[in-house]
Protein backbone atom coordinates (compact mmCIF):
# COMPACT_ATOMS: atom_id res chain seq x y z
CA UNK A 1 -4.24 -6.52 -3.81
CA UNK A 2 -7.02 -4.84 -1.91
CA UNK A 3 -8.06 -2.99 1.25
CA UNK A 4 -11.86 -3.81 0.99
CA UNK A 5 -13.14 -5.86 3.38
CA UNK A 6 -16.60 -6.16 2.09
CA UNK A 7 -16.84 -8.35 -0.69
CA UNK A 8 -16.01 -11.53 0.86
CA UNK A 9 -13.81 -14.27 -0.21
CA UNK A 10 -12.93 -15.22 -3.73
CA UNK A 11 -10.05 -16.23 -6.30
CA UNK A 12 -7.24 -13.51 -6.52
CA UNK A 13 -7.47 -10.87 -9.02
CA UNK A 14 -4.89 -8.64 -9.61
CA UNK A 15 -6.12 -4.90 -9.85
CA UNK A 16 -5.94 -2.57 -13.07
CA UNK A 17 -3.37 -5.33 -14.61
CA UNK A 18 -4.59 -4.52 -18.45
CA UNK A 19 -4.26 -1.00 -18.01
CA UNK A 20 -0.71 -1.02 -16.54
CA UNK A 21 0.50 -3.62 -18.86
CA UNK A 22 -0.54 -1.31 -21.76
CA UNK A 23 1.13 1.95 -19.84
CA UNK A 24 4.34 0.06 -19.67
CA UNK A 25 4.25 -1.85 -22.98
CA UNK A 26 6.37 -3.20 -24.46
CA UNK A 27 7.59 -5.35 -21.48
CA UNK A 28 11.17 -6.46 -21.60
CA UNK A 29 14.06 -6.67 -19.09
CA UNK A 30 14.36 -7.20 -15.57
CA UNK A 31 11.78 -6.03 -13.58
CA UNK A 32 11.03 -6.14 -9.68
CA UNK A 33 7.49 -6.62 -8.11
CA UNK A 34 7.42 -5.27 -4.87
CA UNK A 35 4.45 -6.23 -3.39
CA UNK A 36 4.26 -10.15 -4.71
CA UNK A 37 1.50 -11.38 -2.74
CA UNK A 38 -0.61 -13.73 -5.00
CA UNK A 39 1.64 -13.12 -7.58
CA UNK A 40 -0.80 -11.61 -10.25
CA UNK A 41 1.35 -8.74 -11.11
CA UNK A 42 4.58 -11.25 -11.61
CA UNK A 43 3.00 -13.56 -13.71
CA UNK A 44 1.37 -10.82 -15.89
CA UNK A 45 4.89 -9.04 -16.41
CA UNK A 46 6.36 -12.40 -17.26
CA UNK A 47 3.64 -13.48 -19.87
CA UNK A 48 4.01 -10.17 -21.31
CA UNK A 49 7.78 -10.44 -22.25
CA UNK A 50 9.68 -9.46 -19.14
CA UNK A 51 12.98 -11.51 -19.22
CA UNK A 52 13.09 -11.88 -15.26
CA UNK A 53 10.86 -10.80 -12.51
CA UNK A 54 12.25 -10.47 -8.86
CA UNK A 55 9.20 -10.90 -6.59
CA UNK A 56 9.74 -9.29 -3.19
CA UNK A 57 7.31 -9.65 -0.42
CA UNK A 58 7.59 -9.39 3.46
CA UNK A 59 4.76 -11.76 4.08
CA UNK A 60 6.63 -15.61 4.09
CA UNK A 61 3.38 -16.75 3.37
CA UNK A 62 3.04 -15.49 0.06
CA UNK A 63 5.92 -17.79 -1.13
CA UNK A 64 4.65 -20.69 0.36
CA UNK A 65 1.16 -20.28 -1.43
CA UNK A 66 2.92 -19.54 -4.74
CA UNK A 67 5.19 -22.88 -4.19
CA UNK A 68 2.92 -24.82 -6.87
CA UNK A 69 3.85 -22.78 -9.57
CA UNK A 70 7.08 -20.33 -9.04
CA UNK A 71 8.73 -23.49 -10.70
CA UNK A 72 6.97 -22.97 -14.15
CA UNK A 73 9.14 -20.06 -14.87
CA UNK A 74 12.63 -21.39 -13.89
CA UNK A 75 15.33 -18.66 -13.41
CA UNK A 76 13.03 -15.96 -14.98
CA UNK A 77 11.45 -15.62 -11.55
CA UNK A 78 13.47 -14.86 -8.48
CA UNK A 79 11.82 -14.79 -4.97
CA UNK A 80 13.00 -12.41 -2.35
CA UNK A 81 12.07 -12.21 1.22
CA UNK A 82 12.16 -8.61 2.31
CA UNK A 83 10.73 -4.97 2.03
CA UNK A 84 10.07 -3.14 -0.86
CA UNK A 85 11.86 -0.01 0.64
CA UNK A 86 15.37 -2.13 0.51
CA UNK A 87 14.73 -3.14 -3.36
CA UNK A 88 17.84 -1.17 -4.28
CA UNK A 89 19.61 -3.66 -1.97
CA UNK A 90 18.28 -6.57 -3.89
CA UNK A 91 18.59 -5.26 -7.34
CA UNK A 92 19.88 -2.51 -9.60
CA UNK A 93 19.24 -0.94 -13.19
CA UNK A 94 15.99 -2.57 -13.05
CA UNK A 95 13.60 -1.91 -16.25
CA UNK A 96 10.47 -1.33 -14.36
CA UNK A 97 9.21 -1.65 -10.81
CA UNK A 98 5.59 -2.26 -9.88
CA UNK A 99 3.82 -2.09 -6.67
CA UNK A 100 0.54 -2.91 -5.43
CA UNK A 101 -0.23 -1.34 -2.22
CA UNK A 102 -2.68 -2.39 0.28
CA UNK A 103 -3.85 -5.98 1.91
CA UNK A 104 -4.17 -8.80 -0.37
CA UNK A 105 -7.07 -11.07 -0.56
CA UNK A 106 -5.63 -14.31 0.89
CA UNK A 107 -4.47 -12.41 4.28
CA UNK A 108 -7.91 -10.84 4.67
CA UNK A 109 -9.68 -14.17 3.84
CA UNK A 110 -7.23 -15.81 6.72
CA UNK A 111 -9.24 -15.21 10.17
CA UNK A 112 -5.75 -16.02 11.71
CA UNK A 113 -3.65 -13.13 10.43
CA UNK A 114 -6.41 -10.58 12.07
CA UNK A 115 -6.94 -8.12 9.24
CA UNK A 116 -10.70 -8.59 8.77
CA UNK A 117 -13.38 -7.11 10.96
CA UNK A 118 -15.62 -9.59 9.23
CA UNK A 119 -14.16 -12.59 10.71
CA UNK A 120 -13.19 -13.36 14.41
CA UNK A 121 -9.36 -13.59 15.06
CA UNK A 122 -6.54 -12.75 17.09
CA UNK A 123 -6.04 -9.18 16.59
CA UNK A 124 -2.82 -8.81 14.70
CA UNK A 125 -2.64 -7.54 11.37
CA UNK A 126 1.30 -7.95 10.85
CA UNK A 127 2.09 -8.77 7.21
CA UNK A 128 6.00 -9.76 8.06
CA UNK A 129 4.42 -11.61 10.81
CA UNK A 130 7.09 -10.11 13.51
CA UNK A 131 6.86 -7.24 15.90
CA UNK A 132 4.00 -5.32 17.83
CA UNK A 133 0.65 -6.38 16.79
CA UNK A 134 -2.44 -4.12 16.22
CA UNK A 135 -3.71 -5.63 19.79
CA UNK A 136 -0.04 -4.82 21.29
CA UNK A 137 -1.25 -0.99 19.68
CA UNK A 138 -4.60 -0.83 21.57
CA UNK A 139 -3.33 -2.04 24.65
CA UNK A 140 -0.31 0.48 24.84
CA UNK A 141 -1.02 3.71 22.87
CA UNK A 142 -2.20 6.76 24.93
CA UNK A 143 -6.01 7.85 24.13
CA UNK A 144 -4.27 10.99 22.00
CA UNK A 145 -1.90 8.78 20.05
CA UNK A 146 -4.89 6.56 18.98
CA UNK A 147 -6.76 9.05 18.16
CA UNK A 148 -4.34 10.18 15.87
CA UNK A 149 -3.75 6.87 14.25
CA UNK A 150 -7.12 6.48 13.57
CA UNK A 151 -7.38 9.89 12.01
CA UNK A 152 -4.26 10.53 10.56
CA UNK A 153 -4.05 7.03 8.86
CA UNK A 154 -7.48 5.56 8.96
CA UNK A 155 -9.23 9.28 8.12
CA UNK A 156 -11.60 8.55 10.64
CA UNK A 157 -13.32 11.67 11.61
CA UNK A 158 -15.00 10.00 15.13
CA UNK A 159 -11.44 9.06 15.94
CA UNK A 160 -11.34 11.07 19.42
CA UNK A 161 -14.57 9.49 20.37
CA UNK A 162 -13.69 5.61 19.24
CA UNK A 163 -10.16 6.32 21.16
CA UNK A 164 -12.13 6.74 24.30
CA UNK A 165 -14.14 3.91 24.08
CA UNK A 166 -11.15 1.63 23.18
CA UNK A 167 -9.30 2.98 26.65
CA UNK A 168 -12.18 2.69 28.47
CA UNK A 169 -13.10 -0.88 27.23
CA UNK A 170 -9.22 -2.13 27.57
CA UNK A 171 -9.43 -0.94 31.20
CA UNK A 172 -12.37 -3.77 31.91
CA UNK A 173 -10.90 -6.51 29.52
CA UNK A 174 -7.85 -6.77 27.21
CA UNK A 175 -8.86 -6.28 23.52
CA UNK A 176 -7.34 -9.02 21.66
CA UNK A 177 -9.68 -9.84 19.22
CA UNK A 178 -10.91 -8.66 15.68
CA UNK A 179 -14.79 -8.89 16.32
CA UNK A 180 -14.18 -7.20 20.11
CA UNK A 181 -12.62 -4.17 18.87
CA UNK A 182 -15.05 -3.95 15.80
CA UNK A 183 -18.13 -4.22 18.03
CA UNK A 184 -16.39 -1.49 20.27
CA UNK A 185 -16.31 0.80 16.90
CA UNK A 186 -19.87 -0.25 15.71
CA UNK A 187 -21.31 1.12 18.99
CA UNK A 188 -19.47 4.69 18.41
CA UNK A 189 -20.90 5.39 15.13
CA UNK A 190 -24.25 5.19 13.32
CA UNK A 191 -25.58 2.10 11.90
CA UNK A 192 -24.64 2.07 8.08
CA UNK A 193 -26.85 2.47 5.06
CA UNK A 194 -27.08 -0.16 2.47
CA UNK A 195 -23.59 0.08 0.28
CA UNK A 196 -22.03 1.91 2.82
CA UNK A 197 -18.50 0.40 4.27
CA UNK A 198 -18.51 -1.27 8.01
CA UNK A 199 -17.93 1.32 10.36
CA UNK A 200 -14.82 -0.16 11.66
CA UNK A 201 -13.28 0.14 7.79
CA UNK A 202 -11.36 3.73 8.47
CA UNK A 203 -10.46 2.28 12.10
CA UNK A 204 -8.95 -0.74 11.12
CA UNK A 205 -7.08 0.58 8.10
CA UNK A 206 -5.22 2.72 10.60
CA UNK A 207 -4.26 0.29 12.69
CA UNK A 208 -2.99 -1.98 9.84
CA UNK A 209 -0.95 1.19 8.65
CA UNK A 210 0.43 1.96 11.95
CA UNK A 211 1.48 -1.61 12.68
CA UNK A 212 3.09 -2.27 9.24
CA UNK A 213 4.40 1.22 8.93
CA UNK A 214 2.81 1.49 5.46
CA UNK A 215 3.58 5.32 5.14
CA UNK A 216 7.01 5.04 5.92
CA UNK A 217 7.57 2.13 3.38
CA UNK A 218 5.64 3.90 0.73
CA UNK A 219 7.98 6.64 1.37
CA UNK A 220 11.09 4.97 1.26
CA UNK A 221 9.86 2.11 -1.38
CA UNK A 222 9.79 5.31 -3.98
CA UNK A 223 12.92 6.71 -3.26
CA UNK A 224 14.77 3.21 -3.43
CA UNK A 225 12.75 2.58 -7.43
CA UNK A 226 14.16 5.69 -7.98
CA UNK A 227 17.72 4.64 -6.91
CA UNK A 228 17.15 0.99 -8.54
CA UNK A 229 15.67 1.93 -12.07
CA UNK A 230 17.93 2.23 -14.95
CA UNK A 231 17.15 5.56 -17.22
CA UNK A 232 14.32 4.94 -19.28
CA UNK A 233 13.00 2.36 -16.45
CA UNK A 234 9.14 2.34 -15.55
CA UNK A 235 7.82 2.85 -12.39
CA UNK A 236 4.04 1.69 -11.72
CA UNK A 237 2.13 2.35 -8.72
CA UNK A 238 -1.53 1.19 -7.77
CA UNK A 239 -2.85 2.71 -4.36
CA UNK A 240 -6.28 1.67 -2.84
CA UNK A 241 -6.96 4.94 -0.86
CA UNK A 242 -6.58 8.64 -1.11
CA UNK A 243 -3.33 9.30 1.22
CA UNK A 244 -1.40 6.62 -0.98
CA UNK A 245 -2.52 8.13 -4.07
CA UNK A 246 -1.48 11.62 -2.85
CA UNK A 247 1.77 10.74 -1.91
CA UNK A 248 2.39 8.87 -4.49
CA UNK A 249 1.38 11.98 -6.63
CA UNK A 250 3.43 14.15 -5.08
CA UNK A 251 6.44 12.23 -5.29
CA UNK A 252 5.89 12.07 -9.04
CA UNK A 253 5.09 15.72 -9.33
CA UNK A 254 8.31 16.91 -7.24
CA UNK A 255 10.49 14.67 -9.47
CA UNK A 256 9.03 15.64 -12.77
CA UNK A 257 9.14 19.12 -11.63
CA UNK A 258 5.50 19.77 -11.85
CA UNK A 259 4.84 21.50 -8.30
CA UNK A 260 5.19 25.07 -9.43
CA UNK A 261 5.13 27.79 -6.81
CA UNK A 262 2.59 27.74 -3.98
CA UNK A 263 1.59 31.73 -5.04
CA UNK A 264 2.88 34.18 -7.72
CA UNK A 265 4.72 36.04 -5.04
CA UNK A 266 6.87 33.26 -4.13
CA UNK A 267 10.65 33.28 -5.10
CA UNK A 268 11.30 31.09 -8.45
CA UNK A 269 12.55 27.83 -7.35
CA UNK A 270 15.71 26.63 -8.85
CA UNK A 271 15.27 24.47 -11.54
CA UNK A 272 16.70 20.99 -11.35
CA UNK A 273 16.96 18.03 -13.77
CA UNK A 274 13.69 15.93 -13.46
CA UNK A 275 14.11 12.31 -12.23
CA UNK A 276 10.89 11.35 -13.91
CA UNK A 277 8.79 11.65 -16.26
CA UNK A 278 5.01 11.37 -16.26
CA UNK A 279 3.89 8.66 -18.60
CA UNK A 280 0.31 9.02 -16.79
CA UNK A 281 -0.95 12.43 -16.68
CA UNK A 282 -3.70 11.40 -14.46
CA UNK A 283 -4.64 8.54 -11.87
CA UNK A 284 -6.12 5.26 -13.93
CA UNK A 285 -8.92 3.81 -12.54
CA UNK A 286 -10.98 0.62 -13.21
CA UNK A 287 -13.33 0.44 -16.45
CA UNK A 288 -16.64 -0.93 -16.37
CA UNK A 289 -15.26 -4.35 -17.35
CA UNK A 290 -12.99 -4.68 -14.64
CA UNK A 291 -15.92 -3.23 -12.07
CA UNK A 292 -18.02 -5.86 -13.08
CA UNK A 293 -15.50 -8.41 -12.98
CA UNK A 294 -13.84 -7.61 -9.66
CA UNK A 295 -15.80 -4.76 -7.44
CA UNK A 296 -12.82 -4.83 -5.00
CA UNK A 297 -10.79 -2.59 -7.90
CA UNK A 298 -13.39 0.41 -7.22
CA UNK A 299 -11.17 2.46 -5.38
CA UNK A 300 -7.77 1.35 -7.29
CA UNK A 301 -5.83 4.25 -8.87
CA UNK A 302 -2.65 3.99 -11.14
CA UNK A 303 0.27 6.47 -12.04
CA UNK A 304 3.41 5.65 -13.90
CA UNK A 305 6.83 7.61 -14.31
CA UNK A 306 9.58 6.75 -16.45
CA UNK A 307 13.06 7.34 -14.45
CA UNK A 308 15.54 9.86 -16.55
CA UNK A 309 19.19 10.19 -16.39
CA UNK A 310 19.14 12.67 -13.44
CA UNK A 311 20.81 11.57 -10.14
CA UNK A 312 18.66 10.31 -7.34
CA UNK A 313 18.04 13.38 -4.74
CA UNK A 314 16.54 13.39 -1.65
CA UNK A 315 12.79 14.59 -0.76
CA UNK A 316 10.90 15.10 2.82
CA UNK A 317 8.41 13.24 4.11
CA UNK A 318 6.21 16.57 4.15
CA UNK A 319 7.03 17.45 0.51
CA UNK A 320 5.34 13.97 -0.32
CA UNK A 321 2.55 14.88 1.90
CA UNK A 322 2.96 11.71 4.43
CA UNK A 323 1.06 11.90 7.19
CA UNK A 324 3.27 11.95 10.33
CA UNK A 325 2.23 11.26 13.87
CA UNK A 326 4.10 12.84 17.16
CA UNK A 327 6.74 11.07 18.17
CA UNK A 328 6.32 8.35 21.46
CA UNK A 329 4.15 5.48 21.94
CA UNK A 330 2.64 7.13 25.23
């Protein structure tokens, strides 16, 4: 998967697959691919030795596009329509879980899905193809809340200026297409220099995350993986931007007991059993070969942890550094 919209269409290339398979080797037993997409990770796991992979995706198009090859693996591949935050309802005692976050190439390349500011289409962005669309949020959110979505979810520093422009434009005419929204955003920001991202990149990211509740899904998905994995089971997560990576990093730090005290005068925390051991001490990025063959991988980061025998326990969104907006849509 990818969150990059500047490199055009092309064949799906699973990002960081080689280092992921190396980190979790030897691959065996039952795995769950919580972001099935075009099936790249699922194929990689099956060919590396997994006995069975459960492929989960909330986008029904993913399974339609895989129809011509899934039969090759027989009962070694099980498809499950749904969200990975409910993976512990689909399976238990798993040997491994893989999550490849972001938007898949096949979604970006279909103008009618409304993810890309490079192609004109309806302002949609719904991965599951149901519920409120990006056009609904752009039409209904207050200027303050819209700015919050762009800032906290899209990391857009000009969020207030862009939100004001969107509200002003929607009063003249509803904003229903990707290119109209992209044009409004472009007028708010300086012209990009060569090799810089499109001015609408961060705003589109923020809206997409809000439409699909991606941070809530990640938060709940990591906890679901903790419940679904057997002792010794592996959790591998590939992220594509800093907020996602920070959430995953904080989750593994908390679960491995690596958070420490905020300052030396703070009271010692009660030591509790760790739910994970760190397999990757630092985030793993693409090597030069992967960057050359797949420029979309440049922002990808991989983190892997191994489940212990300690029972699953709650954790708060704040402890996981999850961005949160004020309640209410208006």
